[in-house]
PDB file of N, CA and C in Angstrom:
ATOM      1  N   MET A   1       1.084  -1.314   0.323  1.00  0.00           N
ATOM      2  CA  MET A   1       0.157   0.272   0.044  1.00  0.00           C
ATOM      3  C   MET A   1       0.676   0.897  -0.150  1.00  0.00           C
ATOM      4  N   SER A   2      -0.038   2.246  -0.811  1.00  0.00           N
ATOM      5  CA  SER A   2       1.719   3.435  -0.956  1.00  0.00           C
ATOM      6  C   SER A   2       0.378   4.053   0.134  1.00  0.00           C
ATOM      7  N   GLN A   3       2.026   5.009   0.758  1.00  0.00           N
ATOM      8  CA  GLN A   3       1.709   6.339   1.600  1.00  0.00           C
ATOM      9  C   GLN A   3       0.375   7.061   1.721  1.00  0.00           C
ATOM     10  N   ASN A   4       0.369   7.919   0.215  1.00  0.00           N
ATOM     11  CA  ASN A   4      -1.425   7.876  -0.097  1.00  0.00           C
ATOM     12  C   ASN A   4      -2.083   7.362   0.026  1.00  0.00           C
ATOM     13  N   ASN A   5      -2.339   6.453   0.363  1.00  0.00           N
ATOM     14  CA  ASN A   5      -3.661   5.573   0.596  1.00  0.00           C
ATOM     15  C   ASN A   5      -3.742   4.984   2.152  1.00  0.00           C
ATOM     16  N   CYS A   6      -2.952   5.283   2.826  1.00  0.00           N
ATOM     17  CA  CYS A   6      -2.972   5.203   4.309  1.00  0.00           C
ATOM     18  C   CYS A   6      -3.345   6.352   5.016  1.00  0.00           C
ATOM     19  N   THR A   7      -4.941   5.681   5.499  1.00  0.00           N
ATOM     20  CA  THR A   7      -5.520   6.877   6.424  1.00  0.00           C
ATOM     21  C   THR A   7      -6.818   5.802   7.959  1.00  0.00           C
ATOM     22  N   ILE A   8      -6.738   6.234   8.756  1.00  0.00           N
ATOM     23  CA  ILE A   8      -6.585   5.724   9.509  1.00  0.00           C
ATOM     24  C   ILE A   8      -8.586   6.617  10.291  1.00  0.00           C
ATOM     25  N   THR A   9      -9.767   6.107  10.267  1.00  0.00           N
ATOM     26  CA  THR A   9     -10.534   6.729  10.328  1.00  0.00           C
ATOM     27  C   THR A   9     -11.392   6.078  11.449  1.00  0.00           C
ATOM     28  N   THR A  10     -12.072   7.339  12.290  1.00  0.00           N
ATOM     29  CA  THR A  10     -12.775   7.087  13.531  1.00  0.00           C
ATOM     30  C   THR A  10     -14.260   7.987  12.880  1.00  0.00           C
ATOM     31  N   SER A  11     -15.095   6.463  12.288  1.00  0.00           N
ATOM     32  CA  SER A  11     -15.919   7.287  11.271  1.00  0.00           C
ATOM     33  C   SER A  11     -17.714   7.595  11.690  1.00  0.00           C
ATOM     34  N   THR A  12     -17.933   6.772  12.747  1.00  0.00           N
ATOM     35  CA  THR A  12     -18.987   6.830  13.813  1.00  0.00           C
ATOM     36  C   THR A  12     -18.780   7.169  15.230  1.00  0.00           C
ATOM     37  N   GLY A  13     -20.085   8.261  15.864  1.00  0.00           N
ATOM     38  CA  GLY A  13     -19.705   8.250  16.781  1.00  0.00           C
ATOM     39  C   GLY A  13     -19.396   9.775  17.134  1.00  0.00           C
ATOM     40  N   LEU A  14     -18.617  10.230  16.559  1.00  0.00           N
ATOM     41  CA  LEU A  14     -18.301  12.098  16.752  1.00  0.00           C
ATOM     42  C   LEU A  14     -18.919  13.044  16.642  1.00  0.00           C
ATOM     43  N   ALA A  15     -19.331  14.219  17.192  1.00  0.00           N
ATOM     44  CA  ALA A  15     -20.025  15.143  17.311  1.00  0.00           C
ATOM     45  C   ALA A  15     -19.318  16.198  15.953  1.00  0.00           C
ATOM     46  N   GLY A  16     -18.176  16.103  15.707  1.00  0.00           N
ATOM     47  CA  GLY A  16     -17.744  16.559  14.566  1.00  0.00           C
ATOM     48  C   GLY A  16     -17.981  15.627  12.610  1.00  0.00           C
ATOM     49  N   GLY A  17     -18.182  14.627  13.057  1.00  0.00           N
ATOM     50  CA  GLY A  17     -18.239  13.725  11.840  1.00  0.00           C
ATOM     51  C   GLY A  17     -17.307  12.904  12.158  1.00  0.00           C
ATOM     52  N   ALA A  18     -17.060  12.054  10.980  1.00  0.00           N
ATOM     53  CA  ALA A  18     -15.532  11.128  10.541  1.00  0.00           C
ATOM     54  C   ALA A  18     -14.625  11.920  10.913  1.00  0.00           C
ATOM     55  N   LEU A  19     -13.773  11.601  11.069  1.00  0.00           N
ATOM     56  CA  LEU A  19     -12.168  11.589  12.217  1.00  0.00           C
ATOM     57  C   LEU A  19     -11.274  11.187  11.194  1.00  0.00           C
ATOM     58  N   ALA A  20     -10.612  11.596  10.334  1.00  0.00           N
ATOM     59  CA  ALA A  20      -9.543  11.032   9.600  1.00  0.00           C
ATOM     60  C   ALA A  20      -8.283  11.526   9.331  1.00  0.00           C
ATOM     61  N   THR A  21      -7.416  10.375   9.444  1.00  0.00           N
ATOM     62  CA  THR A  21      -6.223  10.764   9.819  1.00  0.00           C
ATOM     63  C   THR A  21      -5.169  10.144   8.977  1.00  0.00           C
ATOM     64  N   ASP A  22      -4.742  11.031   7.594  1.00  0.00           N
ATOM     65  CA  ASP A  22      -3.780  10.508   6.798  1.00  0.00           C
ATOM     66  C   ASP A  22      -2.241  10.100   7.002  1.00  0.00           C
ATOM     67  N   LEU A  23      -1.202   9.143   6.492  1.00  0.00           N
ATOM     68  CA  LEU A  23      -0.280   8.923   6.905  1.00  0.00           C
ATOM     69  C   LEU A  23       0.632   9.930   6.179  1.00  0.00           C
ATOM     70  N   LEU A  24       1.218  10.729   6.436  1.00  0.00           N
ATOM     71  CA  LEU A  24       2.693  11.907   5.870  1.00  0.00           C
ATOM     72  C   LEU A  24       3.509  11.156   5.262  1.00  0.00           C
ATOM     73  N   PRO A  25       4.160  11.499   4.616  1.00  0.00           N
ATOM     74  CA  PRO A  25       5.404  10.963   3.788  1.00  0.00           C
ATOM     75  C   PRO A  25       6.315  11.246   5.416  1.00  0.00           C
ATOM     76  N   ASN A  26       6.949  10.138   5.285  1.00  0.00           N
ATOM     77  CA  ASN A  26       8.391   9.956   6.205  1.00  0.00           C
ATOM     78  C   ASN A  26       7.951   9.968   7.061  1.00  0.00           C
ATOM     79  N   GLN A  27       6.598  10.147   8.111  1.00  0.00           N
ATOM     80  CA  GLN A  27       6.443   9.482   9.137  1.00  0.00           C
ATOM     81  C   GLN A  27       6.368   8.346   9.554  1.00  0.00           C
ATOM     82  N   SER A  28       6.361   7.922  10.789  1.00  0.00           N
ATOM     83  CA  SER A  28       6.644   6.732  11.521  1.00  0.00           C
ATOM     84  C   SER A  28       5.408   6.723  11.585  1.00  0.00           C
ATOM     85  N   LEU A  29       5.337   4.997  11.734  1.00  0.00           N
ATOM     86  CA  LEU A  29       3.433   4.209  11.762  1.00  0.00           C
ATOM     87  C   LEU A  29       3.467   4.718  13.319  1.00  0.00           C
ATOM     88  N   GLU A  30       4.434   4.723  14.384  1.00  0.00           N
ATOM     89  CA  GLU A  30       3.640   5.288  15.700  1.00  0.00           C
ATOM     90  C   GLU A  30       3.896   6.605  15.851  1.00  0.00           C
ATOM     91  N   ASP A  31       4.312   7.548  15.405  1.00  0.00           N
ATOM     92  CA  ASP A  31       3.359   8.964  15.495  1.00  0.00           C
ATOM     93  C   ASP A  31       2.364   9.418  14.593  1.00  0.00           C
ATOM     94  N   TRP A  32       2.187   8.188  13.276  1.00  0.00           N
ATOM     95  CA  TRP A  32       0.898   9.091  12.579  1.00  0.00           C
ATOM     96  C   TRP A  32      -0.445   8.164  13.353  1.00  0.00           C
ATOM     97  N   VAL A  33       0.057   7.181  14.655  1.00  0.00           N
ATOM     98  CA  VAL A  33      -1.165   6.425  15.263  1.00  0.00           C
ATOM     99  C   VAL A  33      -1.415   7.499  16.423  1.00  0.00           C
ATOM    100  N   ILE A  34       0.210   7.689  17.138  1.00  0.00           N
ATOM    101  CA  ILE A  34      -0.849   8.481  18.464  1.00  0.00           C
ATOM    102  C   ILE A  34      -1.344  10.568  17.507  1.00  0.00           C
ATOM    103  N   THR A  35      -1.087  10.245  16.621  1.00  0.00           N
ATOM    104  CA  THR A  35      -1.459  12.165  15.943  1.00  0.00           C
ATOM    105  C   THR A  35      -3.701  11.752  15.973  1.00  0.00           C
ATOM    106  N   HIS A  36      -3.214  10.534  15.210  1.00  0.00           N
ATOM    107  CA  HIS A  36      -5.323   9.950  15.290  1.00  0.00           C
ATOM    108  C   HIS A  36      -5.709  10.260  16.825  1.00  0.00           C
ATOM    109  N   LYS A  37      -4.779   9.221  17.842  1.00  0.00           N
ATOM    110  CA  LYS A  37      -5.207   8.720  19.176  1.00  0.00           C
ATOM    111  C   LYS A  37      -5.392  10.272  19.657  1.00  0.00           C
ATOM    112  N   ASN A  38      -4.383  11.844  19.665  1.00  0.00           N
ATOM    113  CA  ASN A  38      -4.920  12.677  20.087  1.00  0.00           C
ATOM    114  C   ASN A  38      -6.179  13.452  19.038  1.00  0.00           C
ATOM    115  N   ALA A  39      -6.567  13.066  18.063  1.00  0.00           N
ATOM    116  CA  ALA A  39      -7.139  13.775  17.121  1.00  0.00           C
ATOM    117  C   ALA A  39      -8.830  13.408  17.675  1.00  0.00           C
ATOM    118  N   VAL A  40      -8.507  12.145  18.663  1.00  0.00           N
ATOM    119  CA  VAL A  40      -9.948  12.116  18.495  1.00  0.00           C
ATOM    120  C   VAL A  40      -9.776  11.896  19.821  1.00  0.00           C
ATOM    121  N   LYS A  41      -9.072  11.986  20.827  1.00  0.00           N
ATOM    122  CA  LYS A  41      -9.434  11.843  22.206  1.00  0.00           C
ATOM    123  C   LYS A  41      -9.578  13.844  22.470  1.00  0.00           C
ATOM    124  N   GLN A  42      -9.692  14.456  21.201  1.00  0.00           N
ATOM    125  CA  GLN A  42     -10.057  15.862  21.636  1.00  0.00           C
ATOM    126  C   GLN A  42     -11.123  16.149  21.047  1.00  0.00           C
ATOM    127  N   ALA A  43     -11.588  14.907  20.626  1.00  0.00           N
ATOM    128  CA  ALA A  43     -12.798  14.941  20.159  1.00  0.00           C
ATOM    129  C   ALA A  43     -14.539  14.838  20.604  1.00  0.00           C
ATOM    130  N   THR A  44     -15.295  15.205  20.793  1.00  0.00           N
ATOM    131  CA  THR A  44     -16.591  14.711  21.466  1.00  0.00           C
ATOM    132  C   THR A  44     -17.929  13.854  21.189  1.00  0.00           C
ATOM    133  N   ALA A  45     -17.758  12.573  21.490  1.00  0.00           N
ATOM    134  CA  ALA A  45     -18.206  11.862  21.447  1.00  0.00           C
ATOM    135  C   ALA A  45     -19.756  12.459  21.135  1.00  0.00           C
ATOM    136  N   SER A  46     -20.728  12.095  20.271  1.00  0.00           N
ATOM    137  CA  SER A  46     -22.772  12.538  20.137  1.00  0.00           C
ATOM    138  C   SER A  46     -22.644  10.807  20.018  1.00  0.00           C
ATOM    139  N   GLY A  47     -22.697   9.722  19.379  1.00  0.00           N
ATOM    140  CA  GLY A  47     -23.641   8.765  19.866  1.00  0.00           C
ATOM    141  C   GLY A  47     -22.676   7.645  19.920  1.00  0.00           C
ATOM    142  N   ASP A  48     -23.689   6.754  19.953  1.00  0.00           N
ATOM    143  CA  ASP A  48     -22.690   4.693  19.757  1.00  0.00           C
ATOM    144  C   ASP A  48     -23.115   4.351  19.030  1.00  0.00           C
ATOM    145  N   PRO A  49     -22.390   3.746  19.082  1.00  0.00           N
ATOM    146  CA  PRO A  49     -21.230   3.295  18.971  1.00  0.00           C
ATOM    147  C   PRO A  49     -20.068   3.993  18.615  1.00  0.00           C
ATOM    148  N   LEU A  50     -18.379   3.754  19.074  1.00  0.00           N
ATOM    149  CA  LEU A  50     -17.104   4.766  18.195  1.00  0.00           C
ATOM    150  C   LEU A  50     -16.704   3.690  17.220  1.00  0.00           C
ATOM    151  N   THR A  51     -16.135   3.960  16.035  1.00  0.00           N
ATOM    152  CA  THR A  51     -15.847   2.838  15.413  1.00  0.00           C
ATOM    153  C   THR A  51     -14.542   3.591  14.563  1.00  0.00           C
ATOM    154  N   THR A  52     -13.036   3.238  15.122  1.00  0.00           N
ATOM    155  CA  THR A  52     -12.138   3.345  14.098  1.00  0.00           C
ATOM    156  C   THR A  52     -11.801   2.061  13.383  1.00  0.00           C
ATOM    157  N   SER A  53     -10.794   2.133  11.761  1.00  0.00           N
ATOM    158  CA  SER A  53     -10.718   1.543  11.132  1.00  0.00           C
ATOM    159  C   SER A  53      -9.463   2.073  10.470  1.00  0.00           C
ATOM    160  N   TRP A  54      -9.130   0.973  10.273  1.00  0.00           N
ATOM    161  CA  TRP A  54      -7.490   1.003   8.850  1.00  0.00           C
ATOM    162  C   TRP A  54      -7.429   0.260   8.766  1.00  0.00           C
ATOM    163  N   ASN A  55      -6.544  -0.079   7.565  1.00  0.00           N
ATOM    164  CA  ASN A  55      -5.799  -1.356   6.432  1.00  0.00           C
ATOM    165  C   ASN A  55      -4.537  -1.718   6.936  1.00  0.00           C
ATOM    166  N   ASN A  56      -4.428  -3.085   7.109  1.00  0.00           N
ATOM    167  CA  ASN A  56      -3.759  -3.900   7.559  1.00  0.00           C
ATOM    168  C   ASN A  56      -3.398  -5.329   6.337  1.00  0.00           C
ATOM    169  N   LYS A  57      -2.815  -5.700   6.432  1.00  0.00           N
ATOM    170  CA  LYS A  57      -2.263  -6.953   5.086  1.00  0.00           C
ATOM    171  C   LYS A  57      -3.597  -7.376   5.105  1.00  0.00           C
ATOM    172  N   SER A  58      -3.838  -7.862   6.068  1.00  0.00           N
ATOM    173  CA  SER A  58      -5.453  -8.722   5.994  1.00  0.00           C
ATOM    174  C   SER A  58      -6.825  -7.988   4.938  1.00  0.00           C
ATOM    175  N   GLY A  59      -6.468  -6.833   4.735  1.00  0.00           N
ATOM    176  CA  GLY A  59      -7.793  -5.473   4.033  1.00  0.00           C
ATOM    177  C   GLY A  59      -7.941  -4.527   5.689  1.00  0.00           C
ATOM    178  N   LEU A  60      -9.134  -4.442   5.405  1.00  0.00           N
ATOM    179  CA  LEU A  60     -10.008  -3.125   6.739  1.00  0.00           C
ATOM    180  C   LEU A  60      -9.900  -4.000   8.110  1.00  0.00           C
ATOM    181  N   GLN A  61      -9.450  -3.573   9.096  1.00  0.00           N
ATOM    182  CA  GLN A  61      -9.540  -4.085  10.382  1.00  0.00           C
ATOM    183  C   GLN A  61     -10.760  -2.439  10.910  1.00  0.00           C
ATOM    184  N   SER A  62     -11.418  -2.779  12.081  1.00  0.00           N
ATOM    185  CA  SER A  62     -12.394  -1.823  12.893  1.00  0.00           C
ATOM    186  C   SER A  62     -12.283  -2.152  14.269  1.00  0.00           C
ATOM    187  N   GLU A  63     -12.310  -1.731  14.803  1.00  0.00           N
ATOM    188  CA  GLU A  63     -12.677  -1.560  16.375  1.00  0.00           C
ATOM    189  C   GLU A  63     -13.716  -0.897  16.995  1.00  0.00           C
ATOM    190  N   VAL A  64     -14.770  -1.356  17.391  1.00  0.00           N
ATOM    191  CA  VAL A  64     -16.008  -0.613  17.402  1.00  0.00           C
ATOM    192  C   VAL A  64     -16.208  -0.693  19.349  1.00  0.00           C
ATOM    193  N   THR A  65     -16.630   0.185  19.580  1.00  0.00           N
ATOM    194  CA  THR A  65     -16.468   0.121  21.017  1.00  0.00           C
ATOM    195  C   THR A  65     -18.029   0.957  21.609  1.00  0.00           C
ATOM    196  N   THR A  66     -18.846   0.177  22.312  1.00  0.00           N
ATOM    197  CA  THR A  66     -20.492   0.273  22.560  1.00  0.00           C
ATOM    198  C   THR A  66     -20.626   1.237  24.054  1.00  0.00           C
ATOM    199  N   ARG A  67     -21.145   1.931  23.969  1.00  0.00           N
ATOM    200  CA  ARG A  67     -21.047   3.224  25.412  1.00  0.00           C
ATOM    201  C   ARG A  67     -22.062   1.905  26.565  1.00  0.00           C
ATOM    202  N   ASP A  68     -21.516   2.078  27.647  1.00  0.00           N
ATOM    203  CA  ASP A  68     -21.691   2.099  28.724  1.00  0.00           C
ATOM    204  C   ASP A  68     -23.076   2.293  29.811  1.00  0.00           C
ATOM    205  N   ALA A  69     -24.396   1.822  29.429  1.00  0.00           N
ATOM    206  CA  ALA A  69     -25.568   2.795  29.163  1.00  0.00           C
ATOM    207  C   ALA A  69     -25.912   2.615  30.850  1.00  0.00           C
ATOM    208  N   GLY A  70     -25.605   1.926  31.490  1.00  0.00           N
ATOM    209  CA  GLY A  70     -25.231   1.722  32.917  1.00  0.00           C
ATOM    210  C   GLY A  70     -26.498   1.291  33.232  1.00  0.00           C
ATOM    211  N   PRO A  71     -27.361   1.104  34.381  1.00  0.00           N
ATOM    212  CA  PRO A  71     -26.903   2.870  35.159  1.00  0.00           C
ATOM    213  C   PRO A  71     -25.351   2.527  36.285  1.00  0.00           C
ATOM    214  N   PRO A  72     -25.045   4.062  36.751  1.00  0.00           N
ATOM    215  CA  PRO A  72     -25.422   5.241  35.966  1.00  0.00           C
ATOM    216  C   PRO A  72     -24.387   4.983  34.421  1.00  0.00           C
ATOM    217  N   ALA A  73     -24.366   5.264  32.886  1.00  0.00           N
ATOM    218  CA  ALA A  73     -24.681   6.048  32.399  1.00  0.00           C
ATOM    219  C   ALA A  73     -23.223   6.855  32.440  1.00  0.00           C
ATOM    220  N   GLU A  74     -22.153   5.566  30.949  1.00  0.00           N
ATOM    221  CA  GLU A  74     -20.914   6.059  30.693  1.00  0.00           C
ATOM    222  C   GLU A  74     -20.587   7.929  30.256  1.00  0.00           C
ATOM    223  N   ALA A  75     -19.800   8.284  31.113  1.00  0.00           N
ATOM    224  CA  ALA A  75     -19.555   9.629  30.832  1.00  0.00           C
ATOM    225  C   ALA A  75     -19.208   9.553  29.671  1.00  0.00           C
ATOM    226  N   LEU A  76     -19.337  10.808  28.841  1.00  0.00           N
ATOM    227  CA  LEU A  76     -18.561  10.859  27.000  1.00  0.00           C
ATOM    228  C   LEU A  76     -17.069  11.009  26.818  1.00  0.00           C
ATOM    229  N   ALA A  77     -16.410  11.954  28.253  1.00  0.00           N
ATOM    230  CA  ALA A  77     -15.444  11.363  28.027  1.00  0.00           C
ATOM    231  C   ALA A  77     -14.111   9.931  28.171  1.00  0.00           C
ATOM    232  N   ASP A  78     -15.075   9.652  29.044  1.00  0.00           N
ATOM    233  CA  ASP A  78     -14.257   8.680  29.519  1.00  0.00           C
ATOM    234  C   ASP A  78     -14.761   7.122  28.613  1.00  0.00           C
ATOM    235  N   PHE A  79     -16.291   7.150  27.398  1.00  0.00           N
ATOM    236  CA  PHE A  79     -16.286   6.675  26.823  1.00  0.00           C
ATOM    237  C   PHE A  79     -15.228   6.391  25.122  1.00  0.00           C
ATOM    238  N   VAL A  80     -14.760   7.608  25.299  1.00  0.00           N
ATOM    239  CA  VAL A  80     -13.676   8.187  23.976  1.00  0.00           C
ATOM    240  C   VAL A  80     -12.495   7.775  24.608  1.00  0.00           C
ATOM    241  N   THR A  81     -12.154   7.935  26.006  1.00  0.00           N
ATOM    242  CA  THR A  81     -11.155   7.739  26.458  1.00  0.00           C
ATOM    243  C   THR A  81     -11.060   5.454  26.245  1.00  0.00           C
ATOM    244  N   ARG A  82     -12.211   5.050  26.603  1.00  0.00           N
ATOM    245  CA  ARG A  82     -12.378   3.462  26.364  1.00  0.00           C
ATOM    246  C   ARG A  82     -11.962   3.593  24.846  1.00  0.00           C
ATOM    247  N   HIS A  83     -12.524   3.851  24.122  1.00  0.00           N
ATOM    248  CA  HIS A  83     -12.422   4.132  22.938  1.00  0.00           C
ATOM    249  C   HIS A  83     -11.100   3.614  21.831  1.00  0.00           C
ATOM    250  N   VAL A  84     -10.838   4.623  22.326  1.00  0.00           N
ATOM    251  CA  VAL A  84      -9.105   5.042  22.210  1.00  0.00           C
ATOM    252  C   VAL A  84      -8.306   3.744  22.677  1.00  0.00           C
ATOM    253  N   THR A  85      -8.551   3.500  23.858  1.00  0.00           N
ATOM    254  CA  THR A  85      -7.707   2.517  24.136  1.00  0.00           C
ATOM    255  C   THR A  85      -7.829   0.961  23.888  1.00  0.00           C
ATOM    256  N   ASP A  86      -9.147   0.642  23.409  1.00  0.00           N
ATOM    257  CA  ASP A  86      -9.159  -0.231  22.621  1.00  0.00           C
ATOM    258  C   ASP A  86      -8.573  -0.750  21.319  1.00  0.00           C
ATOM    259  N   PHE A  87      -8.915   0.903  20.384  1.00  0.00           N
ATOM    260  CA  PHE A  87      -8.612   1.027  19.420  1.00  0.00           C
ATOM    261  C   PHE A  87      -6.695   0.294  19.115  1.00  0.00           C
ATOM    262  N   LEU A  88      -6.169   1.306  20.616  1.00  0.00           N
ATOM    263  CA  LEU A  88      -4.965   0.861  20.600  1.00  0.00           C
ATOM    264  C   LEU A  88      -4.251  -0.367  20.538  1.00  0.00           C
ATOM    265  N   LEU A  89      -4.762  -0.966  21.798  1.00  0.00           N
ATOM    266  CA  LEU A  89      -4.684  -2.161  21.968  1.00  0.00           C
ATOM    267  C   LEU A  89      -5.110  -3.265  20.421  1.00  0.00           C
ATOM    268  N   GLU A  90      -6.120  -2.724  19.835  1.00  0.00           N
ATOM    269  CA  GLU A  90      -6.415  -3.774  18.470  1.00  0.00           C
ATOM    270  C   GLU A  90      -4.915  -3.917  17.553  1.00  0.00           C
ATOM    271  N   MET A  91      -4.396  -2.493  17.278  1.00  0.00           N
ATOM    272  CA  MET A  91      -3.680  -1.619  16.421  1.00  0.00           C
ATOM    273  C   MET A  91      -2.295  -2.396  16.749  1.00  0.00           C
ATOM    274  N   ILE A  92      -2.224  -2.934  18.197  1.00  0.00           N
ATOM    275  CA  ILE A  92      -0.888  -3.574  18.241  1.00  0.00           C
ATOM    276  C   ILE A  92      -1.199  -4.976  17.681  1.00  0.00           C
ATOM    277  N   GLN A  93      -2.018  -5.885  17.486  1.00  0.00           N
ATOM    278  CA  GLN A  93      -2.307  -6.866  16.911  1.00  0.00           C
ATOM    279  C   GLN A  93      -2.483  -7.242  15.884  1.00  0.00           C
ATOM    280  N   GLU A  94      -3.039  -6.014  15.123  1.00  0.00           N
ATOM    281  CA  GLU A  94      -3.317  -6.129  14.039  1.00  0.00           C
ATOM    282  C   GLU A  94      -2.802  -4.461  13.219  1.00  0.00           C
ATOM    283  N   GLN A  95      -1.806  -4.688  12.793  1.00  0.00           N
ATOM    284  CA  GLN A  95      -0.650  -3.062  12.579  1.00  0.00           C
ATOM    285  C   GLN A  95      -1.539  -2.284  11.370  1.00  0.00           C
ATOM    286  N   PRO A  96      -1.783  -1.369  11.645  1.00  0.00           N
ATOM    287  CA  PRO A  96      -1.990  -0.324  10.316  1.00  0.00           C
ATOM    288  C   PRO A  96      -0.785  -0.892   8.964  1.00  0.00           C
ATOM    289  N   ASP A  97      -1.217  -1.050   8.346  1.00  0.00           N
ATOM    290  CA  ASP A  97      -0.483  -1.524   6.636  1.00  0.00           C
ATOM    291  C   ASP A  97       0.461   0.493   6.376  1.00  0.00           C
ATOM    292  N   THR A  98       1.285  -0.019   5.707  1.00  0.00           N
ATOM    293  CA  THR A  98       2.186   1.022   5.346  1.00  0.00           C
ATOM    294  C   THR A  98       2.584   1.307   4.477  1.00  0.00           C
TER     295      THR A  98
END
């Protein structure tokens, strides 16, 4: 896969809509993932579930996190933090293809 086609996308659940982070020329895999993580952490969740997707050597990989309805209901900030943790752990096993 060429770098021009490398994108991590959080496609559902964010107030501002989908959030995509492209791999920049000469950017390391680690920096790319951290850039997306930081962007998602600054976003506001608006719905359920949160879905983040990326391509790896096997094809499209997605991590879907569902908000805990409680009671008490999971705070939106906690929900975003848990989703970030979920997709980072999944990326360790299913590394994005650069």
